[in-house]
PDB file of N, CA and C in Angstrom:
ATOM      1  N   MET A   1     -16.177   3.339 -15.305  1.00  0.00           N
ATOM      2  CA  MET A   1     -17.416   3.633 -13.959  1.00  0.00           C
ATOM      3  C   MET A   1     -17.446   5.276 -13.139  1.00  0.00           C
ATOM      4  N   ARG A   2     -18.534   5.784 -12.926  1.00  0.00           N
ATOM      5  CA  ARG A   2     -18.178   6.698 -13.331  1.00  0.00           C
ATOM      6  C   ARG A   2     -18.725   7.234 -11.441  1.00  0.00           C
ATOM      7  N   ILE A   3     -18.476   7.905 -10.698  1.00  0.00           N
ATOM      8  CA  ILE A   3     -19.055   8.674  -9.482  1.00  0.00           C
ATOM      9  C   ILE A   3     -19.885   9.890 -10.212  1.00  0.00           C
ATOM     10  N   SER A   4     -20.998   9.585  -9.775  1.00  0.00           N
ATOM     11  CA  SER A   4     -22.079  10.634  -9.778  1.00  0.00           C
ATOM     12  C   SER A   4     -22.576  10.941  -8.940  1.00  0.00           C
ATOM     13  N   SER A   5     -22.330  10.758  -7.254  1.00  0.00           N
ATOM     14  CA  SER A   5     -22.954  11.481  -5.725  1.00  0.00           C
ATOM     15  C   SER A   5     -22.690  11.322  -4.696  1.00  0.00           C
ATOM     16  N   SER A   6     -22.785  11.783  -4.214  1.00  0.00           N
ATOM     17  CA  SER A   6     -22.204  11.449  -2.760  1.00  0.00           C
ATOM     18  C   SER A   6     -21.940  10.265  -1.881  1.00  0.00           C
ATOM     19  N   SER A   7     -23.225   9.949  -1.935  1.00  0.00           N
ATOM     20  CA  SER A   7     -23.524   8.305  -1.684  1.00  0.00           C
ATOM     21  C   SER A   7     -22.443   7.545  -2.384  1.00  0.00           C
ATOM     22  N   GLU A   8     -22.284   7.605  -3.688  1.00  0.00           N
ATOM     23  CA  GLU A   8     -21.149   6.690  -4.039  1.00  0.00           C
ATOM     24  C   GLU A   8     -19.959   6.814  -3.861  1.00  0.00           C
ATOM     25  N   LYS A   9     -19.143   8.293  -3.139  1.00  0.00           N
ATOM     26  CA  LYS A   9     -17.825   8.381  -2.635  1.00  0.00           C
ATOM     27  C   LYS A   9     -18.061   8.091  -1.284  1.00  0.00           C
ATOM     28  N   THR A  10     -19.632   7.931  -0.491  1.00  0.00           N
ATOM     29  CA  THR A  10     -19.217   7.466   1.158  1.00  0.00           C
ATOM     30  C   THR A  10     -19.223   6.532   1.064  1.00  0.00           C
ATOM     31  N   PHE A  11     -19.402   5.432   0.227  1.00  0.00           N
ATOM     32  CA  PHE A  11     -19.372   3.787  -0.161  1.00  0.00           C
ATOM     33  C   PHE A  11     -18.173   3.465  -0.326  1.00  0.00           C
ATOM     34  N   LEU A  12     -17.307   4.139  -1.201  1.00  0.00           N
ATOM     35  CA  LEU A  12     -15.905   4.175  -1.721  1.00  0.00           C
ATOM     36  C   LEU A  12     -14.652   4.061  -0.368  1.00  0.00           C
ATOM     37  N   GLU A  13     -15.409   5.033   0.379  1.00  0.00           N
ATOM     38  CA  GLU A  13     -14.742   5.801   1.659  1.00  0.00           C
ATOM     39  C   GLU A  13     -14.809   4.457   2.054  1.00  0.00           C
ATOM     40  N   LYS A  14     -15.586   3.766   2.963  1.00  0.00           N
ATOM     41  CA  LYS A  14     -16.439   3.216   3.509  1.00  0.00           C
ATOM     42  C   LYS A  14     -15.583   2.142   3.153  1.00  0.00           C
ATOM     43  N   VAL A  15     -16.023   1.877   1.480  1.00  0.00           N
ATOM     44  CA  VAL A  15     -14.899   0.179   1.484  1.00  0.00           C
ATOM     45  C   VAL A  15     -13.301   0.616   1.260  1.00  0.00           C
ATOM     46  N   PHE A  16     -12.539   1.288   1.449  1.00  0.00           N
ATOM     47  CA  PHE A  16     -10.828   1.285   1.812  1.00  0.00           C
ATOM     48  C   PHE A  16     -10.763   1.583   2.775  1.00  0.00           C
ATOM     49  N   ALA A  17     -11.582   1.795   3.954  1.00  0.00           N
ATOM     50  CA  ALA A  17     -11.272   1.807   5.349  1.00  0.00           C
ATOM     51  C   ALA A  17     -11.293   0.258   6.343  1.00  0.00           C
ATOM     52  N   ALA A  18     -12.344  -0.611   5.693  1.00  0.00           N
ATOM     53  CA  ALA A  18     -12.600  -1.939   6.230  1.00  0.00           C
ATOM     54  C   ALA A  18     -11.314  -2.234   5.377  1.00  0.00           C
ATOM     55  N   ASP A  19     -11.206  -1.809   4.306  1.00  0.00           N
ATOM     56  CA  ASP A  19      -9.877  -3.593   4.381  1.00  0.00           C
ATOM     57  C   ASP A  19      -8.727  -2.250   4.383  1.00  0.00           C
ATOM     58  N   GLY A  20      -8.018  -1.477   5.174  1.00  0.00           N
ATOM     59  CA  GLY A  20      -6.807  -1.536   5.505  1.00  0.00           C
ATOM     60  C   GLY A  20      -6.279  -0.022   5.241  1.00  0.00           C
ATOM     61  N   PHE A  21      -6.730   0.596   3.815  1.00  0.00           N
ATOM     62  CA  PHE A  21      -6.482   1.539   3.938  1.00  0.00           C
ATOM     63  C   PHE A  21      -7.647   2.848   4.132  1.00  0.00           C
ATOM     64  N   SER A  22      -7.680   4.034   4.136  1.00  0.00           N
ATOM     65  CA  SER A  22      -7.650   5.446   4.676  1.00  0.00           C
ATOM     66  C   SER A  22      -8.736   5.596   3.694  1.00  0.00           C
ATOM     67  N   GLU A  23      -9.905   6.118   4.825  1.00  0.00           N
ATOM     68  CA  GLU A  23     -10.643   6.703   3.829  1.00  0.00           C
ATOM     69  C   GLU A  23      -9.989   8.271   2.270  1.00  0.00           C
ATOM     70  N   HIS A  24      -9.413   8.913   2.747  1.00  0.00           N
ATOM     71  CA  HIS A  24      -8.396   9.222   2.164  1.00  0.00           C
ATOM     72  C   HIS A  24      -8.394   9.016   0.644  1.00  0.00           C
ATOM     73  N   ASP A  25      -7.785   7.439   0.832  1.00  0.00           N
ATOM     74  CA  ASP A  25      -7.606   6.900  -0.519  1.00  0.00           C
ATOM     75  C   ASP A  25      -8.996   6.787  -0.732  1.00  0.00           C
ATOM     76  N   GLY A  26      -9.754   6.162  -0.887  1.00  0.00           N
ATOM     77  CA  GLY A  26     -11.244   6.331  -1.185  1.00  0.00           C
ATOM     78  C   GLY A  26     -11.618   6.986  -1.968  1.00  0.00           C
ATOM     79  N   SER A  27     -11.671   8.115  -1.149  1.00  0.00           N
ATOM     80  CA  SER A  27     -12.195   9.524  -1.330  1.00  0.00           C
ATOM     81  C   SER A  27     -11.412   9.971  -3.355  1.00  0.00           C
ATOM     82  N   LEU A  28      -9.981   9.725  -2.762  1.00  0.00           N
ATOM     83  CA  LEU A  28      -8.956  10.046  -4.266  1.00  0.00           C
ATOM     84  C   LEU A  28      -9.718   9.674  -5.481  1.00  0.00           C
ATOM     85  N   LEU A  29      -9.891   7.912  -5.051  1.00  0.00           N
ATOM     86  CA  LEU A  29     -10.303   7.630  -6.492  1.00  0.00           C
ATOM     87  C   LEU A  29     -11.959   7.826  -7.028  1.00  0.00           C
ATOM     88  N   ALA A  30     -12.944   8.577  -5.632  1.00  0.00           N
ATOM     89  CA  ALA A  30     -14.281   8.923  -6.051  1.00  0.00           C
ATOM     90  C   ALA A  30     -13.297  10.363  -6.814  1.00  0.00           C
ATOM     91  N   ASP A  31     -12.579  10.300  -6.103  1.00  0.00           N
ATOM     92  CA  ASP A  31     -12.637  12.106  -7.481  1.00  0.00           C
ATOM     93  C   ASP A  31     -11.885  11.971  -8.629  1.00  0.00           C
ATOM     94  N   THR A  32     -11.366  10.688  -8.273  1.00  0.00           N
ATOM     95  CA  THR A  32     -10.451  10.791  -9.853  1.00  0.00           C
ATOM     96  C   THR A  32     -11.633   9.738 -10.938  1.00  0.00           C
ATOM     97  N   LEU A  33     -12.313   8.748 -10.162  1.00  0.00           N
ATOM     98  CA  LEU A  33     -13.169   8.110 -11.532  1.00  0.00           C
ATOM     99  C   LEU A  33     -14.963   9.695 -11.163  1.00  0.00           C
ATOM    100  N   SER A  34     -14.941   9.974 -10.699  1.00  0.00           N
ATOM    101  CA  SER A  34     -16.156  11.461 -11.462  1.00  0.00           C
ATOM    102  C   SER A  34     -15.789  12.491 -12.353  1.00  0.00           C
ATOM    103  N   MET A  35     -14.196  12.367 -12.446  1.00  0.00           N
ATOM    104  CA  MET A  35     -13.537  13.084 -13.411  1.00  0.00           C
ATOM    105  C   MET A  35     -13.264  13.230 -14.907  1.00  0.00           C
ATOM    106  N   PRO A  36     -13.798  13.944 -15.954  1.00  0.00           N
ATOM    107  CA  PRO A  36     -13.742  13.844 -17.252  1.00  0.00           C
ATOM    108  C   PRO A  36     -12.472  12.851 -18.110  1.00  0.00           C
ATOM    109  N   THR A  37     -12.821  11.906 -18.887  1.00  0.00           N
ATOM    110  CA  THR A  37     -11.775  11.435 -18.962  1.00  0.00           C
ATOM    111  C   THR A  37     -10.197  12.131 -19.833  1.00  0.00           C
ATOM    112  N   TYR A  38     -10.576  12.999 -20.203  1.00  0.00           N
ATOM    113  CA  TYR A  38      -9.064  13.660 -20.667  1.00  0.00           C
ATOM    114  C   TYR A  38      -8.486  14.209 -19.410  1.00  0.00           C
ATOM    115  N   GLU A  39      -9.050  14.815 -18.225  1.00  0.00           N
ATOM    116  CA  GLU A  39      -8.646  15.330 -16.817  1.00  0.00           C
ATOM    117  C   GLU A  39      -8.049  14.406 -16.409  1.00  0.00           C
ATOM    118  N   VAL A  40      -8.523  13.010 -16.465  1.00  0.00           N
ATOM    119  CA  VAL A  40      -7.964  11.961 -15.474  1.00  0.00           C
ATOM    120  C   VAL A  40      -6.889  11.841 -16.971  1.00  0.00           C
ATOM    121  N   SER A  41      -6.848  11.214 -17.836  1.00  0.00           N
ATOM    122  CA  SER A  41      -5.399  11.367 -18.687  1.00  0.00           C
ATOM    123  C   SER A  41      -4.808  12.083 -18.214  1.00  0.00           C
ATOM    124  N   HIS A  42      -4.686  13.429 -17.548  1.00  0.00           N
ATOM    125  CA  HIS A  42      -3.810  14.555 -17.855  1.00  0.00           C
ATOM    126  C   HIS A  42      -3.429  13.980 -16.188  1.00  0.00           C
ATOM    127  N   HIS A  43      -3.920  14.308 -15.155  1.00  0.00           N
ATOM    128  CA  HIS A  43      -4.530  14.161 -13.603  1.00  0.00           C
ATOM    129  C   HIS A  43      -2.934  12.635 -13.670  1.00  0.00           C
ATOM    130  N   MET A  44      -3.348  11.747 -14.335  1.00  0.00           N
ATOM    131  CA  MET A  44      -2.071  10.656 -14.453  1.00  0.00           C
ATOM    132  C   MET A  44      -1.060  10.802 -14.936  1.00  0.00           C
ATOM    133  N   ALA A  45      -0.183  11.446 -15.588  1.00  0.00           N
ATOM    134  CA  ALA A  45       0.238  11.190 -16.534  1.00  0.00           C
ATOM    135  C   ALA A  45       1.936  10.336 -15.560  1.00  0.00           C
ATOM    136  N   PHE A  46       1.771   9.507 -16.654  1.00  0.00           N
ATOM    137  CA  PHE A  46       3.040   8.446 -15.962  1.00  0.00           C
ATOM    138  C   PHE A  46       4.115   8.813 -15.706  1.00  0.00           C
ATOM    139  N   ASN A  47       4.599   9.977 -16.473  1.00  0.00           N
ATOM    140  CA  ASN A  47       5.796  10.702 -16.573  1.00  0.00           C
ATOM    141  C   ASN A  47       6.084  12.160 -15.663  1.00  0.00           C
ATOM    142  N   ASP A  48       4.727  12.322 -14.970  1.00  0.00           N
ATOM    143  CA  ASP A  48       5.375  12.871 -13.520  1.00  0.00           C
ATOM    144  C   ASP A  48       5.521  11.362 -12.620  1.00  0.00           C
ATOM    145  N   LEU A  49       5.499  11.315 -12.605  1.00  0.00           N
ATOM    146  CA  LEU A  49       5.931   9.594 -11.675  1.00  0.00           C
ATOM    147  C   LEU A  49       7.411   9.053 -11.467  1.00  0.00           C
ATOM    148  N   PRO A  50       7.868   9.123 -10.190  1.00  0.00           N
ATOM    149  CA  PRO A  50       9.313   9.324 -10.113  1.00  0.00           C
ATOM    150  C   PRO A  50       9.858   8.175 -11.141  1.00  0.00           C
ATOM    151  N   GLY A  51      11.573   8.432 -11.486  1.00  0.00           N
ATOM    152  CA  GLY A  51      12.448   7.388 -11.890  1.00  0.00           C
ATOM    153  C   GLY A  51      11.426   6.674 -13.332  1.00  0.00           C
ATOM    154  N   ILE A  52      10.286   7.526 -13.955  1.00  0.00           N
ATOM    155  CA  ILE A  52       9.966   6.707 -14.922  1.00  0.00           C
ATOM    156  C   ILE A  52      10.054   8.189 -15.975  1.00  0.00           C
ATOM    157  N   PRO A  53      11.239   7.803 -16.979  1.00  0.00           N
ATOM    158  CA  PRO A  53      12.197   9.150 -17.738  1.00  0.00           C
ATOM    159  C   PRO A  53      10.925   9.464 -18.580  1.00  0.00           C
ATOM    160  N   ALA A  54      10.499  10.712 -19.060  1.00  0.00           N
ATOM    161  CA  ALA A  54       9.215  11.162 -20.001  1.00  0.00           C
ATOM    162  C   ALA A  54       9.683  10.819 -21.072  1.00  0.00           C
TER     163      ALA A  54
END
């Protein structure tokens, strides 16, 4: 799934807010989905998470 417009981002923000999450969480998801695959893989590196050895 790729986010390509601000209306899609606004939709995700509203869905997250309605489900008890913050609009910020929806915005972060939309921003992540709009990144090229290469950028996402580096942005979400598992070895950056605490408790997971590199």
